[in-house]
Amino acid sequence: MLTERQQAILDYVRTYHRENRVAPSTREIARTFSVSQPTVIGHLQALAKKNALEKLADGKWGLSQPPASGSVFELPIHGSIPAGIPTANEQDTEETVLINPSIFGIAEKEYRNLWLLRVRGESMIGAGILDGDIVVLENREPRDGEIVAALVDGTETTLKRYQRTKSGVRLHAENSRFHDIIPTRELRSQGVVVGLIRPTIR
């Protein structure tokens, strides 16, 4: 089981590796999460012990294998989702994006389980998800600690980290300026974030 910060760093390293084909430096990770490099190294070593990352030949911590090649499919962006305070949101198709499911660890035959949303807001910046990013979601039940697109109390949607507690379920923001969300009636996951696309033009 990863801690919240370990999961956030792992998500950031994976996303950075996919987008840049190299792993981020400890300095880049420290700057992103506003912590010291020794703190980052401690988290990376812990992730390595859990077989989530490894130290590469260039001395950086990352993924030993680059994203796999495979077939590309066209997936629609179903509107946007707030990474902030939940809001009512109609998910209309905006545009389509070409996706290689294997990059996100999804078998090609399961690509129909994937869909996309554009992110609005800054509540998930600690997990490396920025305003304007596109998140890739998989239709399945979430595990504790995963980031989800959630329907709160049947009417409002938001993007947050899914956490189980002794008293129930809450949605955790990866930004200290935002409060956690505890549904008053129900919380339904609409998809689990399995990848991220960062547009070059925002």
C-alpha atoms as a PDB file:
ATOM      1  CA  MET A   1       0.000   0.000   0.000  1.00  0.00           C
ATOM      2  CA  LEU A   2       1.374   3.395  -1.005  1.00  0.00           C
ATOM      3  CA  THR A   3       1.017   6.562   1.023  1.00  0.00           C
ATOM      4  CA  GLU A   4      -0.815   9.503  -0.552  1.00  0.00           C
ATOM      5  CA  ARG A   5       2.449  11.298  -1.298  1.00  0.00           C
ATOM      6  CA  GLN A   6       4.100   8.159  -2.711  1.00  0.00           C
ATOM      7  CA  GLN A   7       1.123   7.624  -5.024  1.00  0.00           C
ATOM      8  CA  ALA A   8       1.226  11.258  -6.142  1.00  0.00           C
ATOM      9  CA  ILE A   9       4.957  11.050  -6.911  1.00  0.00           C
ATOM     10  CA  LEU A  10       4.507   7.731  -8.730  1.00  0.00           C
ATOM     11  CA  ASP A  11       1.697   9.228 -10.858  1.00  0.00           C
ATOM     12  CA  TYR A  12       3.911  12.218 -11.665  1.00  0.00           C
ATOM     13  CA  VAL A  13       6.911  10.051 -12.641  1.00  0.00           C
ATOM     14  CA  ARG A  14       4.750   7.847 -14.876  1.00  0.00           C
ATOM     15  CA  THR A  15       3.186  10.847 -16.607  1.00  0.00           C
ATOM     16  CA  TYR A  16       6.530  12.600 -17.049  1.00  0.00           C
ATOM     17  CA  HIS A  17       8.092   9.415 -18.426  1.00  0.00           C
ATOM     18  CA  ARG A  18       5.286   8.941 -20.961  1.00  0.00           C
ATOM     19  CA  GLU A  19       5.426  12.539 -22.167  1.00  0.00           C
ATOM     20  CA  ASN A  20       9.209  13.015 -22.261  1.00  0.00           C
ATOM     21  CA  ARG A  21      10.450   9.428 -22.766  1.00  0.00           C
ATOM     22  CA  VAL A  22      12.853   9.967 -19.841  1.00  0.00           C
ATOM     23  CA  ALA A  23      12.414  10.004 -16.082  1.00  0.00           C
ATOM     24  CA  PRO A  24      12.283  13.300 -14.160  1.00  0.00           C
ATOM     25  CA  SER A  25      15.219  14.338 -11.997  1.00  0.00           C
ATOM     26  CA  THR A  26      14.857  14.466  -8.227  1.00  0.00           C
ATOM     27  CA  ARG A  27      15.192  18.256  -8.515  1.00  0.00           C
ATOM     28  CA  GLU A  28      12.208  18.400 -10.893  1.00  0.00           C
ATOM     29  CA  ILE A  29      10.132  16.223  -8.573  1.00  0.00           C
ATOM     30  CA  ALA A  30      11.114  18.309  -5.539  1.00  0.00           C
ATOM     31  CA  ARG A  31      10.161  21.511  -7.333  1.00  0.00           C
ATOM     32  CA  THR A  32       6.795  20.084  -8.420  1.00  0.00           C
ATOM     33  CA  PHE A  33       5.856  18.973  -4.914  1.00  0.00           C
ATOM     34  CA  SER A  34       7.555  21.858  -3.049  1.00  0.00           C
ATOM     35  CA  VAL A  35       9.682  19.555  -0.893  1.00  0.00           C
ATOM     36  CA  SER A  36      13.425  18.999  -0.447  1.00  0.00           C
ATOM     37  CA  GLN A  37      15.431  16.628  -2.637  1.00  0.00           C
ATOM     38  CA  PRO A  38      16.331  14.367   0.339  1.00  0.00           C
ATOM     39  CA  THR A  39      12.589  14.019   1.029  1.00  0.00           C
ATOM     40  CA  VAL A  40      11.970  13.084  -2.604  1.00  0.00           C
ATOM     41  CA  ILE A  41      14.803  10.552  -2.559  1.00  0.00           C
ATOM     42  CA  GLY A  42      13.293   8.942   0.523  1.00  0.00           C
ATOM     43  CA  HIS A  43       9.940   8.552  -1.252  1.00  0.00           C
ATOM     44  CA  LEU A  44      11.616   7.186  -4.398  1.00  0.00           C
ATOM     45  CA  GLN A  45      13.583   4.627  -2.391  1.00  0.00           C
ATOM     46  CA  ALA A  46      10.349   3.557  -0.678  1.00  0.00           C
ATOM     47  CA  LEU A  47       8.661   3.180  -4.084  1.00  0.00           C
ATOM     48  CA  ALA A  48      11.600   1.109  -5.316  1.00  0.00           C
ATOM     49  CA  LYS A  49      11.255  -1.233  -2.316  1.00  0.00           C
ATOM     50  CA  LYS A  50       7.610  -1.674  -3.301  1.00  0.00           C
ATOM     51  CA  ASN A  51       8.689  -2.465  -6.896  1.00  0.00           C
ATOM     52  CA  ALA A  52       6.869   0.578  -8.254  1.00  0.00           C
ATOM     53  CA  LEU A  53      10.028   2.293  -9.566  1.00  0.00           C
ATOM     54  CA  GLU A  54      13.700   1.504 -10.014  1.00  0.00           C
ATOM     55  CA  LYS A  55      16.959   3.406 -10.354  1.00  0.00           C
ATOM     56  CA  LEU A  56      17.879   3.691 -14.022  1.00  0.00           C
ATOM     57  CA  ALA A  57      21.289   3.696 -15.685  1.00  0.00           C
ATOM     58  CA  ASP A  58      21.374   7.504 -15.790  1.00  0.00           C
ATOM     59  CA  GLY A  59      20.879   7.683 -12.014  1.00  0.00           C
ATOM     60  CA  LYS A  60      17.259   8.824 -12.220  1.00  0.00           C
ATOM     61  CA  TRP A  61      14.344   6.968 -10.680  1.00  0.00           C
ATOM     62  CA  GLY A  62      11.733   5.809 -13.171  1.00  0.00           C
ATOM     63  CA  LEU A  63      10.343   3.036 -15.324  1.00  0.00           C
ATOM     64  CA  SER A  64      12.773   0.591 -16.881  1.00  0.00           C
ATOM     65  CA  GLN A  65      10.641   0.009 -19.981  1.00  0.00           C
ATOM     66  CA  PRO A  66       9.329   2.752 -22.307  1.00  0.00           C
ATOM     67  CA  PRO A  67       5.633   2.745 -23.216  1.00  0.00           C
ATOM     68  CA  ALA A  68       4.770  -0.155 -25.469  1.00  0.00           C
ATOM     69  CA  SER A  69       3.842   0.251 -29.088  1.00  0.00           C
ATOM     70  CA  GLY A  70       0.529  -0.935 -30.476  1.00  0.00           C
ATOM     71  CA  SER A  71      -2.661   0.032 -32.227  1.00  0.00           C
ATOM     72  CA  VAL A  72      -4.069   3.532 -31.939  1.00  0.00           C
ATOM     73  CA  PHE A  73      -7.757   4.240 -31.376  1.00  0.00           C
ATOM     74  CA  GLU A  74      -9.816   7.412 -31.526  1.00  0.00           C
ATOM     75  CA  LEU A  75     -11.495   8.315 -28.223  1.00  0.00           C
ATOM     76  CA  PRO A  76     -13.799  11.265 -27.500  1.00  0.00           C
ATOM     77  CA  ILE A  77     -13.283  13.920 -24.845  1.00  0.00           C
ATOM     78  CA  HIS A  78     -16.580  13.948 -22.967  1.00  0.00           C
ATOM     79  CA  GLY A  79     -16.546  17.566 -21.806  1.00  0.00           C
ATOM     80  CA  SER A  80     -14.653  18.773 -18.744  1.00  0.00           C
ATOM     81  CA  ILE A  81     -14.528  18.028 -15.034  1.00  0.00           C
ATOM     82  CA  PRO A  82     -13.650  20.396 -12.188  1.00  0.00           C
ATOM     83  CA  ALA A  83     -10.540  19.642 -10.149  1.00  0.00           C
ATOM     84  CA  GLY A  84     -11.846  21.867  -7.403  1.00  0.00           C
ATOM     85  CA  ILE A  85     -15.283  22.399  -5.904  1.00  0.00           C
ATOM     86  CA  PRO A  86     -17.851  19.967  -7.360  1.00  0.00           C
ATOM     87  CA  THR A  87     -20.166  21.452  -9.979  1.00  0.00           C
ATOM     88  CA  ALA A  88     -23.067  20.303 -12.089  1.00  0.00           C
ATOM     89  CA  ASN A  89     -21.644  19.266 -15.445  1.00  0.00           C
ATOM     90  CA  GLU A  90     -23.036  17.967 -18.724  1.00  0.00           C
ATOM     91  CA  GLN A  91     -20.533  15.727 -20.463  1.00  0.00           C
ATOM     92  CA  ASP A  92     -20.929  16.532 -24.148  1.00  0.00           C
ATOM     93  CA  THR A  93     -18.379  15.262 -26.648  1.00  0.00           C
ATOM     94  CA  GLU A  94     -15.935  18.085 -27.450  1.00  0.00           C
ATOM     95  CA  GLU A  95     -13.401  16.422 -29.760  1.00  0.00           C
ATOM     96  CA  THR A  96     -11.506  13.184 -30.243  1.00  0.00           C
ATOM     97  CA  VAL A  97      -7.925  12.136 -29.462  1.00  0.00           C
ATOM     98  CA  LEU A  98      -5.854   9.265 -30.834  1.00  0.00           C
ATOM     99  CA  ILE A  99      -4.876   6.916 -27.982  1.00  0.00           C
ATOM    100  CA  ASN A 100      -2.628   3.867 -27.711  1.00  0.00           C
ATOM    101  CA  PRO A 101      -4.244   1.902 -24.828  1.00  0.00           C
ATOM    102  CA  SER A 102      -1.077  -0.113 -24.127  1.00  0.00           C
ATOM    103  CA  ILE A 103       0.656   3.078 -22.954  1.00  0.00           C
ATOM    104  CA  PHE A 104      -1.724   3.081 -19.994  1.00  0.00           C
ATOM    105  CA  GLY A 105      -1.407  -0.641 -19.305  1.00  0.00           C
ATOM    106  CA  ILE A 106      -4.754  -1.418 -20.964  1.00  0.00           C
ATOM    107  CA  ALA A 107      -5.142  -4.285 -23.440  1.00  0.00           C
ATOM    108  CA  GLU A 108      -6.137  -3.158 -26.925  1.00  0.00           C
ATOM    109  CA  LYS A 109      -9.326  -5.200 -26.789  1.00  0.00           C
ATOM    110  CA  GLU A 110     -10.353  -3.231 -23.669  1.00  0.00           C
ATOM    111  CA  TYR A 111      -9.960   0.209 -25.269  1.00  0.00           C
ATOM    112  CA  ARG A 112     -13.731   0.716 -25.256  1.00  0.00           C
ATOM    113  CA  ASN A 113     -13.516   0.915 -21.448  1.00  0.00           C
ATOM    114  CA  LEU A 114     -11.486   4.137 -21.771  1.00  0.00           C
ATOM    115  CA  TRP A 115     -12.805   7.685 -22.067  1.00  0.00           C
ATOM    116  CA  LEU A 116     -11.424  11.199 -21.665  1.00  0.00           C
ATOM    117  CA  LEU A 117     -12.206  14.365 -19.718  1.00  0.00           C
ATOM    118  CA  ARG A 118     -10.569  17.763 -19.758  1.00  0.00           C
ATOM    119  CA  VAL A 119      -9.540  19.070 -16.312  1.00  0.00           C
ATOM    120  CA  ARG A 120     -10.573  22.462 -14.954  1.00  0.00           C
ATOM    121  CA  GLY A 121      -9.034  23.778 -11.740  1.00  0.00           C
ATOM    122  CA  GLU A 122      -6.022  23.206  -9.528  1.00  0.00           C
ATOM    123  CA  SER A 123      -7.110  20.909  -6.712  1.00  0.00           C
ATOM    124  CA  MET A 124      -5.037  17.993  -8.073  1.00  0.00           C
ATOM    125  CA  ILE A 125      -1.752  19.762  -8.862  1.00  0.00           C
ATOM    126  CA  GLY A 126      -0.006  17.776  -6.120  1.00  0.00           C
ATOM    127  CA  ALA A 127      -0.695  14.658  -8.187  1.00  0.00           C
ATOM    128  CA  GLY A 128       0.738  16.300 -11.303  1.00  0.00           C
ATOM    129  CA  ILE A 129      -2.685  17.034 -12.839  1.00  0.00           C
ATOM    130  CA  LEU A 130      -2.917  20.629 -14.059  1.00  0.00           C
ATOM    131  CA  ASP A 131      -5.693  22.866 -15.328  1.00  0.00           C
ATOM    132  CA  GLY A 132      -6.232  22.086 -19.021  1.00  0.00           C
ATOM    133  CA  ASP A 133      -4.833  18.539 -18.879  1.00  0.00           C
ATOM    134  CA  ILE A 134      -6.806  15.641 -20.336  1.00  0.00           C
ATOM    135  CA  VAL A 135      -7.266  12.626 -18.068  1.00  0.00           C
ATOM    136  CA  VAL A 136      -7.728   9.105 -19.415  1.00  0.00           C
ATOM    137  CA  LEU A 137     -10.285   7.162 -17.398  1.00  0.00           C
ATOM    138  CA  GLU A 138     -11.131   3.469 -17.232  1.00  0.00           C
ATOM    139  CA  ASN A 139     -14.620   2.235 -16.439  1.00  0.00           C
ATOM    140  CA  ARG A 140     -14.104   0.055 -13.373  1.00  0.00           C
ATOM    141  CA  GLU A 141     -14.492   0.126  -9.605  1.00  0.00           C
ATOM    142  CA  PRO A 142     -11.835   2.270  -7.866  1.00  0.00           C
ATOM    143  CA  ARG A 143      -9.279   1.007  -5.389  1.00  0.00           C
ATOM    144  CA  ASP A 144      -8.329   2.954  -2.289  1.00  0.00           C
ATOM    145  CA  GLY A 145      -5.948   5.774  -3.197  1.00  0.00           C
ATOM    146  CA  GLU A 146      -6.804   5.966  -6.900  1.00  0.00           C
ATOM    147  CA  ILE A 147      -7.904   9.197  -8.587  1.00  0.00           C
ATOM    148  CA  VAL A 148     -11.474   9.155  -9.851  1.00  0.00           C
ATOM    149  CA  ALA A 149     -14.064  11.201 -11.646  1.00  0.00           C
ATOM    150  CA  ALA A 150     -16.823  11.095  -9.049  1.00  0.00           C
ATOM    151  CA  LEU A 151     -20.508  11.907  -9.004  1.00  0.00           C
ATOM    152  CA  VAL A 152     -21.269  13.426  -5.595  1.00  0.00           C
ATOM    153  CA  ASP A 153     -24.783  13.058  -4.154  1.00  0.00           C
ATOM    154  CA  GLY A 154     -26.169  12.293  -7.582  1.00  0.00           C
ATOM    155  CA  THR A 155     -25.809  15.766  -9.088  1.00  0.00           C
ATOM    156  CA  GLU A 156     -22.250  17.170  -8.995  1.00  0.00           C
ATOM    157  CA  THR A 157     -18.977  15.932 -10.459  1.00  0.00           C
ATOM    158  CA  THR A 158     -15.359  16.381  -9.417  1.00  0.00           C
ATOM    159  CA  LEU A 159     -11.892  14.864  -9.879  1.00  0.00           C
ATOM    160  CA  LYS A 160     -10.291  13.739  -6.609  1.00  0.00           C
ATOM    161  CA  ARG A 161      -8.376  10.919  -4.905  1.00  0.00           C
ATOM    162  CA  TYR A 162     -10.702   8.181  -3.659  1.00  0.00           C
ATOM    163  CA  GLN A 163     -10.086   7.222  -0.035  1.00  0.00           C
ATOM    164  CA  ARG A 164     -11.800   4.753   2.244  1.00  0.00           C
ATOM    165  CA  THR A 165     -11.972   5.692   5.928  1.00  0.00           C
ATOM    166  CA  LYS A 166     -13.463   4.086   9.016  1.00  0.00           C
ATOM    167  CA  SER A 167     -16.497   6.337   8.667  1.00  0.00           C
ATOM    168  CA  GLY A 168     -16.987   5.845   4.931  1.00  0.00           C
ATOM    169  CA  VAL A 169     -15.525   7.289   1.738  1.00  0.00           C
ATOM    170  CA  ARG A 170     -14.075  10.717   1.050  1.00  0.00           C
ATOM    171  CA  LEU A 171     -12.572  12.551  -1.917  1.00  0.00           C
ATOM    172  CA  HIS A 172      -9.144  13.990  -1.185  1.00  0.00           C
ATOM    173  CA  ALA A 173      -7.744  17.081  -2.924  1.00  0.00           C
ATOM    174  CA  GLU A 174      -4.014  17.135  -3.757  1.00  0.00           C
ATOM    175  CA  ASN A 175      -3.787  20.850  -2.979  1.00  0.00           C
ATOM    176  CA  SER A 176      -3.856  22.270   0.557  1.00  0.00           C
ATOM    177  CA  ARG A 177      -6.073  25.146  -0.609  1.00  0.00           C
ATOM    178  CA  PHE A 178      -8.961  22.749  -1.141  1.00  0.00           C
ATOM    179  CA  HIS A 179     -10.932  20.780   1.428  1.00  0.00           C
ATOM    180  CA  ASP A 180     -11.682  17.086   1.227  1.00  0.00           C
ATOM    181  CA  ILE A 181     -15.212  16.216   0.123  1.00  0.00           C
ATOM    182  CA  ILE A 182     -17.446  13.879   2.101  1.00  0.00           C
ATOM    183  CA  PRO A 183     -20.743  13.082   0.355  1.00  0.00           C
ATOM    184  CA  THR A 184     -23.884  13.563   2.393  1.00  0.00           C
ATOM    185  CA  ARG A 185     -25.855  10.855   0.555  1.00  0.00           C
ATOM    186  CA  GLU A 186     -23.801   8.911  -1.980  1.00  0.00           C
ATOM    187  CA  LEU A 187     -20.614   8.882  -3.999  1.00  0.00           C
ATOM    188  CA  ARG A 188     -20.391   7.103  -7.338  1.00  0.00           C
ATOM    189  CA  SER A 189     -17.192   6.660  -9.320  1.00  0.00           C
ATOM    190  CA  GLN A 190     -17.623   7.368 -13.032  1.00  0.00           C
ATOM    191  CA  GLY A 191     -14.111   6.268 -13.943  1.00  0.00           C
ATOM    192  CA  VAL A 192     -10.585   5.732 -12.594  1.00  0.00           C
ATOM    193  CA  VAL A 193      -7.714   7.858 -13.909  1.00  0.00           C
ATOM    194  CA  VAL A 194      -5.165   5.616 -15.654  1.00  0.00           C
ATOM    195  CA  GLY A 195      -3.295   8.239 -17.654  1.00  0.00           C
ATOM    196  CA  LEU A 196      -2.846  11.878 -18.499  1.00  0.00           C
ATOM    197  CA  ILE A 197      -2.358  13.886 -21.686  1.00  0.00           C
ATOM    198  CA  ARG A 198      -0.869  17.387 -21.455  1.00  0.00           C
ATOM    199  CA  PRO A 199      -1.699  19.569 -24.475  1.00  0.00           C
ATOM    200  CA  THR A 200       1.247  21.571 -25.777  1.00  0.00           C
ATOM    201  CA  ILE A 201      -1.061  24.566 -26.373  1.00  0.00           C
ATOM    202  CA  ARG A 202      -3.455  25.604 -23.617  1.00  0.00           C
END
